[in-house]
Amino acid sequence: MGNLRILLSLLLVSSVLLLFNGPETTSQALTTLTSTRNVTSSTVITTYSTIQSTTTTQELIHYALWPYDYDNLTDTFSLWQMNTHLVGPYWDVPCLYYDYFVFNATAGQEIKGQFTTEQGRSVGFYVLDSAQFRRFSYSGCVIGNWAWDVYVFGPAGDLNWHVPESGRYMFLFLSGSFYGGHIHFTAQAYSTVESTSLSTYMTTSMYTLQSTEILVSTQTATSTPNSTPTDLFPVAILIT
């Protein structure tokens, strides 16, 4: 009788285990997330350019003093002034015929000009500063005992002279013998100015960077079947 009760208890426990200890089901799901980001950036390039330019202007020379019979329409004149020396006790004899232009000039100027004589006679042409002209004024009939910046002797001549320093100057024409003809003379001053300018150019470049980030996640799910499976059937135990 005791053995039968033990057997019955084991059968009941087994039935309960069959009812509640069925197999478990586990499933996994992979989830992929894609993230895309666009980053826009810009680059600024600055370029500097230095431009040097030279400008030359031409202008007529404005004379402060000019020869007595100077005609500014024809640019002609004659040698009206003279130096003399004493011959005997009473006679002054002309020994030098001349005339001149007085003008102001600025250091760095370039003065260009030319002269021609009407009759093809040779004359002397000088460019003098104030001190040199003063020495000429006291020289009497002596030619050439003073200094000069430019000297030309002939029936014609060209002038191309750079002003050494600002001040007053003279164009002097002279002859050791009488010359009654006209002299044609023109001159222009040229001034040169150098300038420097700085130009700035800015260029902006835009570009876009794209980055992609992929995230993978795993989800695990576990399921247990119904506690009363359909394939179980009741067991009847007859105890005698």
Protein backbone atom coordinates (compact mmCIF):
# COMPACT_ATOMS: atom_id res chain seq x y z
CA MET A 1 0.00 0.00 0.00
CA GLY A 2 2.84 2.38 0.81
CA ASN A 3 4.54 1.60 -2.45
CA LEU A 4 1.44 2.39 -4.40
CA ARG A 5 1.21 5.85 -2.83
CA ILE A 6 4.78 6.65 -3.76
CA LEU A 7 4.14 5.58 -7.34
CA LEU A 8 1.04 7.70 -7.47
CA SER A 9 2.93 10.74 -6.20
CA LEU A 10 5.62 10.33 -8.84
CA LEU A 11 3.05 10.08 -11.59
CA LEU A 12 1.33 13.26 -10.40
CA VAL A 13 4.61 15.17 -10.26
CA SER A 14 5.54 13.97 -13.75
CA SER A 15 2.15 15.13 -15.07
CA VAL A 16 2.73 18.58 -13.60
CA LEU A 17 6.22 18.79 -15.16
CA LEU A 18 4.78 17.81 -18.52
CA LEU A 19 2.24 20.57 -18.18
CA PHE A 20 4.63 23.45 -17.20
CA ASN A 21 8.10 22.59 -18.51
CA GLY A 22 7.52 22.78 -22.30
CA PRO A 23 10.32 23.97 -24.68
CA GLU A 24 11.22 27.73 -24.96
CA THR A 25 11.60 29.55 -28.30
CA THR A 26 14.27 32.29 -28.78
CA SER A 27 14.44 34.70 -31.80
CA GLN A 28 16.90 37.49 -32.77
CA ALA A 29 16.25 40.53 -34.98
CA LEU A 30 18.98 42.75 -36.51
CA THR A 31 18.13 46.43 -36.87
CA THR A 32 20.34 48.62 -39.11
CA LEU A 33 20.20 52.39 -38.77
CA THR A 34 21.92 54.58 -41.37
CA SER A 35 22.68 58.19 -40.50
CA THR A 36 23.93 60.65 -43.15
CA ARG A 37 25.32 64.08 -42.32
CA ASN A 38 26.29 66.86 -44.74
CA VAL A 39 28.86 69.40 -43.60
CA THR A 40 29.26 72.55 -45.70
CA SER A 41 32.48 74.53 -45.41
CA SER A 42 34.00 77.50 -47.22
CA THR A 43 37.53 78.65 -48.02
CA VAL A 44 38.40 82.30 -48.60
CA ILE A 45 41.51 83.04 -50.70
CA THR A 46 42.84 86.60 -50.62
CA THR A 47 45.20 87.77 -53.38
CA TYR A 48 47.16 91.00 -53.20
CA SER A 49 48.42 92.71 -56.34
CA THR A 50 50.82 95.65 -56.41
CA ILE A 51 50.69 97.85 -59.47
CA GLN A 52 53.35 100.43 -60.19
CA SER A 53 52.58 103.07 -62.78
CA THR A 54 54.54 105.95 -64.25
CA THR A 55 52.79 109.05 -65.54
CA THR A 56 54.59 111.64 -67.63
CA THR A 57 53.05 115.06 -68.23
CA GLN A 58 54.22 117.66 -70.73
CA GLU A 59 53.87 121.39 -70.29
CA LEU A 60 55.21 124.55 -71.81
CA ILE A 61 57.83 126.45 -69.84
CA HIS A 62 56.53 129.68 -68.36
CA TYR A 63 59.24 132.31 -68.67
CA ALA A 64 59.69 134.99 -66.02
CA LEU A 65 61.82 137.04 -68.43
CA TRP A 66 62.38 136.74 -72.19
CA PRO A 67 64.22 138.57 -74.99
CA TYR A 68 63.03 142.02 -75.97
CA ASP A 69 61.58 141.07 -79.37
CA TYR A 70 60.47 137.51 -78.50
CA ASP A 71 57.36 136.46 -80.44
CA ASN A 72 55.55 133.63 -78.66
CA LEU A 73 53.47 132.90 -81.75
CA THR A 74 56.47 132.13 -83.93
CA ASP A 75 58.92 131.33 -81.08
CA THR A 76 61.52 133.62 -82.60
CA PHE A 77 63.78 136.37 -81.24
CA SER A 78 67.06 138.14 -81.99
CA LEU A 79 70.17 139.05 -80.00
CA TRP A 80 69.46 142.62 -78.87
CA GLN A 81 71.71 142.94 -75.83
CA MET A 82 75.45 143.51 -76.03
CA ASN A 83 78.59 143.90 -73.99
CA THR A 84 81.16 146.48 -75.00
CA HIS A 85 84.76 147.26 -74.30
CA LEU A 86 86.53 150.59 -74.44
CA VAL A 87 88.62 151.31 -77.50
CA GLY A 88 90.62 154.44 -77.08
CA PRO A 89 89.62 157.10 -74.65
CA TYR A 90 86.05 157.54 -75.88
CA TRP A 91 84.75 154.66 -77.96
CA ASP A 92 82.83 151.64 -76.61
CA VAL A 93 82.92 148.88 -79.17
CA PRO A 94 80.41 145.96 -79.02
CA CYS A 95 82.17 142.68 -78.36
CA LEU A 96 79.38 140.29 -77.38
CA TYR A 97 75.77 140.01 -78.55
CA TYR A 98 73.34 137.96 -76.43
CA ASP A 99 69.90 137.50 -74.97
CA TYR A 100 68.31 135.03 -72.58
CA PHE A 101 65.18 133.46 -71.06
CA VAL A 102 64.62 133.18 -67.28
CA PHE A 103 62.46 130.38 -65.88
CA ASN A 104 61.89 128.26 -62.78
CA ALA A 105 62.41 124.50 -62.89
CA THR A 106 61.79 121.64 -60.48
CA ALA A 107 64.30 118.94 -59.63
CA GLY A 108 63.72 115.79 -61.67
CA GLN A 109 62.08 117.55 -64.60
CA GLU A 110 63.31 116.74 -68.08
CA ILE A 111 63.50 119.71 -70.43
CA LYS A 112 63.65 119.13 -74.15
CA GLY A 113 64.01 121.73 -76.86
CA GLN A 114 65.71 122.78 -80.06
CA PHE A 115 66.92 125.92 -81.80
CA THR A 116 67.80 126.95 -85.33
CA THR A 117 69.22 130.19 -86.72
CA GLU A 118 67.54 131.98 -89.57
CA GLN A 119 70.64 132.48 -91.68
CA GLY A 120 72.58 129.36 -90.71
CA ARG A 121 74.91 131.35 -88.49
CA SER A 122 76.48 129.58 -85.52
CA VAL A 123 75.59 130.84 -82.06
CA GLY A 124 76.36 129.63 -78.55
CA PHE A 125 73.59 128.16 -76.41
CA TYR A 126 73.96 127.70 -72.63
CA VAL A 127 71.85 126.58 -69.69
CA LEU A 128 72.95 128.44 -66.55
CA ASP A 129 71.81 128.54 -62.96
CA SER A 130 71.60 131.84 -61.05
CA ALA A 131 75.20 131.77 -59.80
CA GLN A 132 76.60 130.90 -63.23
CA PHE A 133 74.57 133.65 -64.87
CA ARG A 134 75.86 136.16 -62.34
CA ARG A 135 79.44 135.27 -63.27
CA PHE A 136 78.54 135.67 -66.94
CA SER A 137 77.14 139.16 -66.24
CA TYR A 138 80.53 140.29 -64.90
CA SER A 139 82.61 138.59 -67.58
CA GLY A 140 82.56 141.49 -70.05
CA CYS A 141 83.70 140.37 -73.44
CA VAL A 142 85.35 137.18 -72.29
CA ILE A 143 83.42 134.09 -73.40
CA GLY A 144 83.58 130.88 -71.42
CA ASN A 145 85.12 131.97 -68.12
CA TRP A 146 82.05 130.71 -66.25
CA ALA A 147 80.60 127.26 -65.65
CA TRP A 148 77.44 125.96 -67.31
CA ASP A 149 75.11 122.98 -67.29
CA VAL A 150 74.64 122.74 -71.08
CA TYR A 151 76.64 124.17 -73.95
CA VAL A 152 75.98 123.91 -77.69
CA PHE A 153 77.64 125.89 -80.48
CA GLY A 154 76.28 125.77 -84.01
CA PRO A 155 73.54 126.90 -86.38
CA ALA A 156 71.14 124.43 -84.71
CA GLY A 157 71.03 122.28 -81.62
CA ASP A 158 68.92 119.98 -79.49
CA LEU A 159 68.34 120.20 -75.75
CA ASN A 160 67.74 117.19 -73.50
CA TRP A 161 68.46 118.24 -69.93
CA HIS A 162 67.44 116.89 -66.51
CA VAL A 163 67.03 119.57 -63.86
CA PRO A 164 69.51 118.77 -61.04
CA GLU A 165 67.76 120.79 -58.35
CA SER A 166 64.85 123.16 -58.04
CA GLY A 167 65.62 126.81 -58.71
CA ARG A 168 65.88 129.58 -61.27
CA TYR A 169 67.69 128.94 -64.58
CA MET A 170 68.53 130.77 -67.81
CA PHE A 171 68.64 129.84 -71.49
CA LEU A 172 71.45 132.04 -72.83
CA PHE A 173 72.16 132.66 -76.54
CA LEU A 174 75.22 134.67 -77.62
CA SER A 175 77.50 135.47 -80.49
CA GLY A 176 80.91 137.10 -80.58
CA SER A 177 79.99 139.01 -83.73
CA PHE A 178 76.90 140.87 -84.83
CA TYR A 179 74.01 138.66 -85.88
CA GLY A 180 70.86 140.43 -87.03
CA GLY A 181 68.83 137.38 -87.95
CA HIS A 182 66.20 135.57 -85.91
CA ILE A 183 66.62 132.49 -83.77
CA HIS A 184 63.79 129.97 -83.54
CA PHE A 185 63.64 128.26 -80.14
CA THR A 186 61.12 125.95 -78.43
CA ALA A 187 61.32 124.07 -75.13
CA GLN A 188 58.98 121.89 -73.09
CA ALA A 189 59.18 120.51 -69.57
CA TYR A 190 58.31 116.89 -68.78
CA SER A 191 57.44 115.76 -65.28
CA THR A 192 57.33 112.09 -64.32
CA VAL A 193 55.28 110.83 -61.38
CA GLU A 194 55.56 107.25 -60.13
CA SER A 195 52.69 105.81 -58.12
CA THR A 196 52.04 102.46 -56.46
CA SER A 197 48.59 101.00 -55.87
CA LEU A 198 47.59 97.87 -53.94
CA SER A 199 44.63 95.81 -55.15
CA THR A 200 42.97 93.09 -53.09
CA TYR A 201 41.00 90.21 -54.62
CA MET A 202 38.97 87.76 -52.49
CA THR A 203 37.74 84.41 -53.78
CA THR A 204 35.35 82.20 -51.78
CA SER A 205 35.10 78.45 -52.52
CA MET A 206 32.22 76.39 -51.09
CA TYR A 207 32.39 72.62 -50.70
CA THR A 208 30.24 69.97 -48.97
CA LEU A 209 31.51 66.94 -47.06
CA GLN A 210 29.15 63.96 -46.64
CA SER A 211 29.60 61.37 -43.90
CA THR A 212 27.57 58.19 -43.38
CA GLU A 213 27.26 56.38 -40.06
CA ILE A 214 25.79 52.85 -39.87
CA LEU A 215 24.50 51.55 -36.53
CA VAL A 216 23.62 47.88 -36.10
CA SER A 217 21.59 46.72 -33.09
CA THR A 218 20.48 43.21 -32.08
CA GLN A 219 17.16 42.48 -30.36
CA THR A 220 16.59 39.10 -28.71
CA ALA A 221 13.10 37.82 -27.95
CA THR A 222 12.27 34.64 -25.90
CA SER A 223 8.80 33.05 -25.96
CA THR A 224 7.33 30.16 -23.88
CA PRO A 225 4.55 27.98 -25.37
CA ASN A 226 1.10 27.72 -23.79
CA SER A 227 1.07 25.99 -20.40
CA THR A 228 -1.52 23.42 -21.67
CA PRO A 229 -0.18 21.85 -24.84
CA THR A 230 -2.75 20.36 -27.18
CA ASP A 231 -0.90 17.06 -27.52
CA LEU A 232 -1.29 16.20 -23.80
CA PHE A 233 -4.04 13.87 -22.62
CA PRO A 234 -5.26 13.07 -19.20
CA VAL A 235 -3.88 10.00 -17.49
CA ALA A 236 -6.04 8.02 -15.20
CA ILE A 237 -4.38 5.87 -12.68
CA LEU A 238 -6.32 3.15 -11.00
CA ILE A 239 -5.12 2.36 -7.59
CA THR A 240 -6.24 -0.96 -6.10
